[in-house]
Amino acid sequence: MNEKAINGRLFNRVGAWLLTGLTAVIAIFWTIPVVWALVASFRPMSEPMKIGDVWFGSALTFANYERAWSLAPFGQYYINTIVIVVTILAVQLVTIVLGGFAFANYRFAGKKWIFFFILLQMMIPATALLAPNFATIRILGLYNTRLAIAIPYFGSAFGVFLMRQAFMDVPRDLVDAGTMDGCSWWQLIWHIYLPPSFPSLIAFSLSSITWHWNEFLWPLVITNSDAARPLTAGLVRFTQLGEIGAQWPLLSAATLIVIIPLLIIFLIFQRHFVESFLHTGIK
């Protein structure tokens, strides 16, 4: 083996080590808030946290979790969150599949411009739409309902883009063969377009569930009672318990109650999560 090949292999190995080290550092920084919340949630309430307190207190206690569960109707919050997330995802799967099919399968006037304006929606910050969406919900008489939280997300520009890209990878000869065999448009979607695009649907579904489970601002604006509030909006009550601010051990326990289901789901399906995005071409 010549010297050039040896140097090239050494360079690649050093580069891989550096990349691995950088990834590890980023992962550690990402986990710091979660670890801090976990530590704080087990500290006794009688030991307030001061600057520099980064470890457990004099004793470990589950009292913060018990009190957090008793102070808020987490059962109702979980039901509301699951209903909202499932409703949004169910409608989105229909709209993005139909939208992606239209842009991938048909030719019509203004197709590129319509697709451009759909993608343009991804550049609009969600806060800019709070006022018009709120006014629309009030006109519809849906204020303080779970449906009001879900309606603005029934369409997804990202989902339409993702499915269009997936459908365009389907061989056109296969689509033409289905058309010649007499397949209707919905049969083309069900039997030809969807089977090879299943990884893209999984990737979008995981993203949608994570995003809307963690959504905070819009549910807080459009609800005023626990009857419709999801988990994230319900956390607001824990910021208003202390006379001088939030009680961090209690708030940390409540926060972990909210994120633990997502964390468990990710740990179980992390392999499928990564593989789904790799299949969609998202890097």
Protein backbone atom coordinates (compact mmCIF):
# COMPACT_ATOMS: atom_id res chain seq x y z
CA MET A 1 0.00 0.00 0.00
CA ASN A 2 1.53 3.32 -1.06
CA GLU A 3 1.98 6.35 1.19
CA LYS A 4 -0.82 8.32 -0.47
CA ALA A 5 -3.40 5.61 0.26
CA ILE A 6 -2.21 5.35 3.87
CA ASN A 7 -2.50 9.12 4.36
CA GLY A 8 -5.96 9.13 2.78
CA ARG A 9 -7.20 6.37 5.07
CA LEU A 10 -5.71 8.14 8.11
CA PHE A 11 -7.37 11.38 7.08
CA ASN A 12 -10.75 9.68 6.72
CA ARG A 13 -10.37 8.01 10.10
CA VAL A 14 -9.46 11.30 11.84
CA GLY A 15 -12.38 13.00 10.14
CA ALA A 16 -14.76 10.29 11.37
CA TRP A 17 -13.41 10.67 14.92
CA LEU A 18 -13.86 14.44 14.82
CA LEU A 19 -17.39 14.09 13.49
CA THR A 20 -18.24 11.54 16.18
CA GLY A 21 -16.77 13.77 18.89
CA LEU A 22 -18.68 16.82 17.65
CA THR A 23 -21.91 14.81 17.55
CA ALA A 24 -21.31 13.61 21.11
CA VAL A 25 -20.75 17.18 22.34
CA ILE A 26 -23.96 18.37 20.67
CA ALA A 27 -25.88 15.43 22.17
CA ILE A 28 -24.55 16.25 25.65
CA PHE A 29 -25.58 19.90 25.34
CA TRP A 30 -29.01 18.82 24.09
CA THR A 31 -29.57 16.54 27.09
CA ILE A 32 -28.50 19.11 29.73
CA PRO A 33 -31.99 20.69 30.09
CA VAL A 34 -33.63 17.26 30.35
CA VAL A 35 -31.12 16.08 32.96
CA TRP A 36 -31.54 19.32 34.92
CA ALA A 37 -35.33 18.94 34.91
CA LEU A 38 -35.00 15.34 36.08
CA VAL A 39 -32.69 16.36 38.93
CA ALA A 40 -34.93 19.27 39.95
CA SER A 41 -38.06 17.12 39.94
CA PHE A 42 -36.67 14.89 42.70
CA ARG A 43 -35.57 17.72 45.01
CA PRO A 44 -37.69 18.29 48.14
CA MET A 45 -39.92 21.36 47.96
CA SER A 46 -38.49 22.51 51.29
CA GLU A 47 -35.10 23.01 49.61
CA PRO A 48 -35.47 25.89 47.15
CA MET A 49 -33.09 25.90 44.22
CA LYS A 50 -30.41 28.57 44.23
CA ILE A 51 -27.76 29.50 41.71
CA GLY A 52 -25.29 26.66 41.53
CA ASP A 53 -27.72 23.91 42.58
CA VAL A 54 -27.23 21.34 39.85
CA TRP A 55 -27.60 18.07 41.73
CA PHE A 56 -30.13 16.25 43.90
CA GLY A 57 -31.08 17.66 47.29
CA SER A 58 -30.54 16.08 50.68
CA ALA A 59 -33.07 13.34 49.80
CA LEU A 60 -34.88 11.95 46.77
CA THR A 61 -38.64 12.34 46.73
CA PHE A 62 -41.56 11.58 44.42
CA ALA A 63 -43.70 14.15 46.24
CA ASN A 64 -43.36 16.65 43.38
CA TYR A 65 -44.87 14.19 40.92
CA GLU A 66 -47.70 13.32 43.30
CA ARG A 67 -48.49 16.97 43.97
CA ALA A 68 -48.25 17.94 40.30
CA TRP A 69 -50.68 15.18 39.37
CA SER A 70 -53.10 16.31 42.09
CA LEU A 71 -52.93 20.01 41.16
CA ALA A 72 -53.85 19.55 37.51
CA PRO A 73 -56.31 17.28 35.69
CA PHE A 74 -53.63 15.48 33.71
CA GLY A 75 -56.07 12.75 32.75
CA GLN A 76 -58.22 15.32 30.93
CA TYR A 77 -55.14 16.96 29.46
CA TYR A 78 -53.94 13.63 28.06
CA ILE A 79 -57.34 12.92 26.52
CA ASN A 80 -57.47 16.38 24.96
CA THR A 81 -53.93 16.09 23.59
CA ILE A 82 -54.46 12.64 22.09
CA VAL A 83 -57.77 13.66 20.48
CA ILE A 84 -56.23 16.82 19.02
CA VAL A 85 -53.08 15.10 17.73
CA VAL A 86 -54.98 12.16 16.20
CA THR A 87 -57.60 14.44 14.60
CA ILE A 88 -54.95 16.66 13.04
CA LEU A 89 -52.93 13.72 11.76
CA ALA A 90 -55.97 11.92 10.31
CA VAL A 91 -57.07 14.97 8.32
CA GLN A 92 -53.52 15.86 7.30
CA LEU A 93 -52.88 12.39 5.88
CA VAL A 94 -55.87 12.85 3.58
CA THR A 95 -55.05 16.41 2.49
CA ILE A 96 -51.33 15.90 1.90
CA VAL A 97 -51.86 12.68 -0.06
CA LEU A 98 -54.47 14.34 -2.29
CA GLY A 99 -52.35 17.47 -2.69
CA GLY A 100 -49.19 15.52 -3.44
CA PHE A 101 -51.07 13.33 -5.94
CA ALA A 102 -52.48 16.35 -7.78
CA PHE A 103 -49.09 18.01 -8.18
CA ALA A 104 -47.28 14.79 -9.10
CA ASN A 105 -49.84 13.22 -11.43
CA TYR A 106 -51.69 16.02 -13.23
CA ARG A 107 -50.74 18.88 -15.49
CA PHE A 108 -52.82 22.04 -15.23
CA ALA A 109 -52.48 25.78 -15.75
CA GLY A 110 -50.67 27.61 -12.97
CA LYS A 111 -49.40 24.39 -11.38
CA LYS A 112 -45.94 25.74 -10.60
CA TRP A 113 -47.27 29.00 -9.18
CA ILE A 114 -49.82 27.27 -6.98
CA PHE A 115 -47.14 24.94 -5.65
CA PHE A 116 -44.86 27.95 -5.08
CA PHE A 117 -47.49 29.73 -2.98
CA ILE A 118 -48.12 26.56 -0.98
CA LEU A 119 -44.43 26.34 -0.14
CA LEU A 120 -44.42 30.06 0.63
CA GLN A 121 -46.69 29.32 3.60
CA MET A 122 -43.77 27.60 5.36
CA MET A 123 -42.01 30.97 5.52
CA ILE A 124 -44.87 32.66 7.39
CA PRO A 125 -44.28 32.59 11.18
CA ALA A 126 -47.09 31.03 13.17
CA THR A 127 -47.37 34.11 15.42
CA ALA A 128 -48.34 36.23 12.39
CA LEU A 129 -51.47 34.10 11.94
CA LEU A 130 -52.67 34.17 15.54
CA ALA A 131 -54.98 37.17 15.14
CA PRO A 132 -56.72 36.13 11.86
CA ASN A 133 -57.06 32.52 13.03
CA PHE A 134 -58.48 33.66 16.37
CA ALA A 135 -61.02 35.90 14.62
CA THR A 136 -62.07 33.05 12.33
CA ILE A 137 -62.55 30.64 15.23
CA ARG A 138 -64.67 33.18 17.12
CA ILE A 139 -66.86 33.72 14.04
CA LEU A 140 -67.32 29.96 13.72
CA GLY A 141 -68.32 29.75 17.38
CA LEU A 142 -65.64 27.18 18.18
CA TYR A 143 -63.71 29.07 20.86
CA ASN A 144 -62.46 26.89 23.71
CA THR A 145 -62.94 23.61 21.88
CA ARG A 146 -60.53 20.90 20.80
CA LEU A 147 -61.65 21.36 17.20
CA ALA A 148 -60.57 25.00 17.33
CA ILE A 149 -57.03 23.92 18.16
CA ALA A 150 -56.94 21.39 15.33
CA ILE A 151 -58.54 23.31 12.42
CA PRO A 152 -55.59 25.60 11.49
CA TYR A 153 -53.38 22.54 11.02
CA PHE A 154 -55.63 20.49 8.75
CA GLY A 155 -53.44 21.45 5.81
CA SER A 156 -49.65 21.10 5.73
CA ALA A 157 -47.43 22.72 3.11
CA PHE A 158 -44.52 20.58 4.24
CA GLY A 159 -46.64 17.44 3.96
CA VAL A 160 -47.78 18.31 0.44
CA PHE A 161 -44.17 18.93 -0.58
CA LEU A 162 -43.02 15.67 1.01
CA MET A 163 -45.70 13.56 -0.68
CA ARG A 164 -45.21 15.26 -4.04
CA GLN A 165 -41.54 14.37 -3.93
CA ALA A 166 -42.33 10.79 -2.92
CA PHE A 167 -44.98 10.39 -5.63
CA MET A 168 -42.69 11.80 -8.32
CA ASP A 169 -40.25 8.95 -7.60
CA VAL A 170 -42.90 6.41 -8.59
CA PRO A 171 -42.08 5.14 -12.11
CA ARG A 172 -44.36 6.79 -14.68
CA ASP A 173 -44.61 3.53 -16.63
CA LEU A 174 -46.26 1.93 -13.61
CA VAL A 175 -48.78 4.78 -13.40
CA ASP A 176 -49.53 4.55 -17.14
CA ALA A 177 -50.02 0.80 -16.82
CA GLY A 178 -52.53 1.34 -14.05
CA THR A 179 -54.38 3.95 -16.10
CA MET A 180 -54.56 1.61 -19.10
CA ASP A 181 -55.98 -1.11 -16.85
CA GLY A 182 -58.84 1.22 -15.95
CA CYS A 183 -57.75 2.36 -12.48
CA SER A 184 -59.59 5.39 -11.16
CA TRP A 185 -57.68 8.23 -9.48
CA TRP A 186 -58.23 6.84 -6.00
CA GLN A 187 -57.13 3.36 -7.12
CA LEU A 188 -53.94 4.88 -8.53
CA ILE A 189 -53.27 6.48 -5.16
CA TRP A 190 -54.08 3.38 -3.12
CA HIS A 191 -52.41 0.69 -5.23
CA ILE A 192 -49.59 2.49 -7.06
CA TYR A 193 -48.57 5.72 -5.34
CA LEU A 194 -48.96 4.92 -1.63
CA PRO A 195 -47.15 1.55 -1.22
CA PRO A 196 -43.67 2.83 -2.19
CA SER A 197 -44.32 6.13 -0.38
CA PHE A 198 -45.10 4.55 2.99
CA PRO A 199 -41.77 5.66 4.58
CA SER A 200 -42.61 9.26 3.73
CA LEU A 201 -45.98 8.91 5.46
CA ILE A 202 -44.29 7.50 8.55
CA ALA A 203 -41.76 10.35 8.59
CA PHE A 204 -44.48 12.96 8.28
CA SER A 205 -46.66 11.27 10.91
CA LEU A 206 -43.84 11.24 13.45
CA SER A 207 -43.09 14.89 12.77
CA SER A 208 -46.76 15.87 13.03
CA ILE A 209 -47.32 14.01 16.30
CA THR A 210 -44.21 15.50 17.89
CA TRP A 211 -44.97 19.04 16.73
CA HIS A 212 -48.60 19.14 17.79
CA TRP A 213 -47.99 17.32 21.07
CA ASN A 214 -45.57 20.12 21.96
CA GLU A 215 -47.63 23.00 20.53
CA PHE A 216 -48.11 25.66 23.18
CA LEU A 217 -48.99 29.18 22.00
CA TRP A 218 -52.07 28.53 19.84
CA PRO A 219 -53.81 26.19 22.35
CA LEU A 220 -53.14 28.73 25.10
CA VAL A 221 -54.68 31.56 23.05
CA ILE A 222 -57.76 29.69 21.87
CA THR A 223 -58.77 28.02 25.16
CA ASN A 224 -59.70 29.32 28.60
CA SER A 225 -60.53 26.18 30.54
CA ASP A 226 -59.18 22.71 31.25
CA ALA A 227 -62.02 21.15 29.26
CA ALA A 228 -60.17 21.75 25.97
CA ARG A 229 -56.59 22.50 26.98
CA PRO A 230 -53.84 20.05 26.01
CA LEU A 231 -50.89 19.13 28.19
CA THR A 232 -48.59 21.98 27.20
CA ALA A 233 -51.17 24.70 27.83
CA GLY A 234 -52.05 23.08 31.14
CA LEU A 235 -48.50 23.63 32.35
CA VAL A 236 -49.22 27.35 32.64
CA ARG A 237 -50.91 26.84 35.99
CA PHE A 238 -47.63 25.59 37.46
CA THR A 239 -45.90 28.89 36.65
CA GLN A 240 -48.39 30.79 38.80
CA LEU A 241 -48.26 28.84 42.05
CA GLY A 242 -45.37 30.57 43.79
CA GLU A 243 -45.58 34.07 45.21
CA ILE A 244 -42.15 34.95 43.81
CA GLY A 245 -42.26 32.88 40.63
CA ALA A 246 -42.38 29.29 39.50
CA GLN A 247 -41.66 26.45 41.91
CA TRP A 248 -39.02 24.72 39.83
CA PRO A 249 -39.15 21.24 41.39
CA LEU A 250 -42.92 21.13 40.88
CA LEU A 251 -42.75 22.62 37.39
CA SER A 252 -40.00 20.19 36.40
CA ALA A 253 -42.06 17.23 37.58
CA ALA A 254 -45.09 18.47 35.63
CA THR A 255 -42.99 19.01 32.52
CA LEU A 256 -41.60 15.49 32.66
CA ILE A 257 -45.13 14.11 33.03
CA VAL A 258 -45.91 15.86 29.74
CA ILE A 259 -42.84 14.76 27.76
CA ILE A 260 -42.35 11.23 29.10
CA PRO A 261 -44.84 9.61 26.65
CA LEU A 262 -43.07 11.18 23.67
CA LEU A 263 -39.68 10.18 25.04
CA ILE A 264 -40.78 6.56 25.53
CA ILE A 265 -42.30 6.42 22.03
CA PHE A 266 -39.09 7.80 20.53
CA LEU A 267 -36.91 5.33 22.40
CA ILE A 268 -39.07 2.45 21.20
CA PHE A 269 -39.36 3.59 17.58
CA GLN A 270 -36.09 5.50 17.16
CA ARG A 271 -34.82 3.05 14.54
CA HIS A 272 -37.99 3.39 12.47
CA PHE A 273 -37.86 7.16 13.00
CA VAL A 274 -34.37 7.46 11.52
CA GLU A 275 -35.01 4.97 8.72
CA SER A 276 -38.18 6.79 7.69
CA PHE A 277 -36.36 10.08 7.24
CA LEU A 278 -33.50 8.40 5.40
CA HIS A 279 -36.01 6.92 2.94
CA THR A 280 -37.55 10.37 2.34
CA GLY A 281 -34.17 11.84 1.43
CA ILE A 282 -34.21 14.31 4.36
CA LYS A 283 -30.70 14.71 5.69
